[in-house]
Amino acid sequence: MVKLAKQIVVRGRVQGVGFRWATKMIADNLDISGTIENRSDGSVFIQAAGEPLNLAKFVAKVKAGPNPYANVSTYEEHPLEDVPNFRGFQVTG
């Protein structure tokens, strides 16, 4: 099974609106592993790994805002060359 991994930073209305938990539900449904955390600058930092098709679906849902209360104004993505060995998808901060 081929896995890809990405590091993602989103900004906008992404804190205090259930963004992390909605993203976790999407990740769990798509078999994406990784972590998500709020940052002190108001952004949300995500590391995500999974099969390419599922990871693409995950990214699309994150960009669109994982729930109706969130609004992603900027999205940055960088590939991770080494795929970390995550255990599930964890809300870490």
Protein backbone atom coordinates (compact mmCIF):
# COMPACT_ATOMS: atom_id res chain seq x y z
CA MET A 1 0.00 0.00 0.00
CA VAL A 2 1.47 3.34 -1.09
CA LYS A 3 1.10 6.17 1.38
CA LEU A 4 1.71 9.86 0.94
CA ALA A 5 2.06 12.45 3.68
CA LYS A 6 1.46 16.19 3.76
CA GLN A 7 1.97 19.05 6.14
CA ILE A 8 -0.88 21.57 5.98
CA VAL A 9 -1.46 24.98 7.53
CA VAL A 10 -4.89 26.61 7.28
CA ARG A 11 -5.94 30.09 8.33
CA GLY A 12 -9.25 31.86 8.53
CA ARG A 13 -12.14 31.09 10.85
CA VAL A 14 -10.58 27.80 11.92
CA GLN A 15 -10.39 28.03 15.71
CA GLY A 16 -13.33 27.88 18.10
CA VAL A 17 -15.68 26.49 15.43
CA GLY A 18 -15.13 22.72 15.74
CA PHE A 19 -12.63 22.64 12.87
CA ARG A 20 -10.24 20.13 14.47
CA TRP A 21 -12.92 17.67 15.53
CA ALA A 22 -14.75 17.84 12.19
CA THR A 23 -11.41 17.28 10.44
CA LYS A 24 -10.73 14.28 12.69
CA MET A 25 -14.09 12.75 11.74
CA ILE A 26 -13.26 13.18 8.04
CA ALA A 27 -9.79 11.68 8.56
CA ASP A 28 -11.23 8.70 10.44
CA ASN A 29 -13.78 8.07 7.67
CA LEU A 30 -11.07 8.19 4.97
CA ASP A 31 -8.48 6.14 6.92
CA ILE A 32 -6.13 9.12 7.17
CA SER A 33 -3.64 9.12 10.02
CA GLY A 34 -1.87 12.12 11.49
CA THR A 35 -2.25 15.02 13.88
CA ILE A 36 -4.06 18.35 14.06
CA GLU A 37 -3.47 21.24 16.43
CA ASN A 38 -4.35 24.87 16.97
CA ARG A 39 -1.42 27.27 16.81
CA SER A 40 -1.05 30.44 18.86
CA ASP A 41 -1.12 32.58 15.69
CA GLY A 42 -4.72 31.48 15.00
CA SER A 43 -3.84 28.89 12.35
CA VAL A 44 -4.37 25.15 12.41
CA PHE A 45 -1.45 22.81 11.69
CA ILE A 46 -2.13 19.37 10.20
CA GLN A 47 0.08 16.42 9.35
CA ALA A 48 -1.79 13.80 7.37
CA ALA A 49 -0.85 10.49 5.77
CA GLY A 50 -2.82 8.00 3.72
CA GLU A 51 -3.41 6.41 0.36
CA PRO A 52 -3.20 9.00 -2.45
CA LEU A 53 -6.90 9.00 -3.41
CA ASN A 54 -8.10 9.23 0.19
CA LEU A 55 -5.53 11.91 0.98
CA ALA A 56 -6.74 13.96 -2.01
CA LYS A 57 -10.34 13.67 -0.75
CA PHE A 58 -9.22 14.71 2.73
CA VAL A 59 -7.37 17.75 1.38
CA ALA A 60 -10.41 18.83 -0.66
CA LYS A 61 -12.64 18.68 2.41
CA VAL A 62 -10.14 20.58 4.55
CA LYS A 63 -9.82 23.32 1.91
CA ALA A 64 -13.60 23.65 1.69
CA GLY A 65 -13.92 23.84 5.50
CA PRO A 66 -14.86 20.60 7.25
CA ASN A 67 -18.05 22.05 8.76
CA PRO A 68 -20.42 24.93 8.03
CA TYR A 69 -18.95 27.16 10.78
CA ALA A 70 -15.38 27.10 9.45
CA ASN A 71 -14.03 29.33 6.71
CA VAL A 72 -10.58 28.62 5.26
CA SER A 73 -9.08 31.82 3.86
CA THR A 74 -5.55 30.52 3.20
CA TYR A 75 -4.24 27.02 2.69
CA GLU A 76 -0.59 25.94 2.54
CA GLU A 77 0.54 22.41 1.78
CA HIS A 78 3.94 20.77 1.68
CA PRO A 79 4.71 17.11 0.99
CA LEU A 80 6.54 15.13 3.64
CA GLU A 81 9.23 12.98 2.07
CA ASP A 82 9.26 10.48 4.92
CA VAL A 83 5.83 9.19 5.89
CA PRO A 84 5.58 9.27 9.70
CA ASN A 85 4.19 6.20 11.43
CA PHE A 86 1.08 7.83 12.93
CA ARG A 87 -1.40 5.80 14.94
CA GLY A 88 -4.80 7.05 13.89
CA PHE A 89 -5.66 10.73 13.61
CA GLN A 90 -5.10 12.66 16.84
CA VAL A 91 -6.16 16.11 18.02
CA THR A 92 -2.98 17.15 19.83
CA GLY A 93 -3.48 20.78 20.72
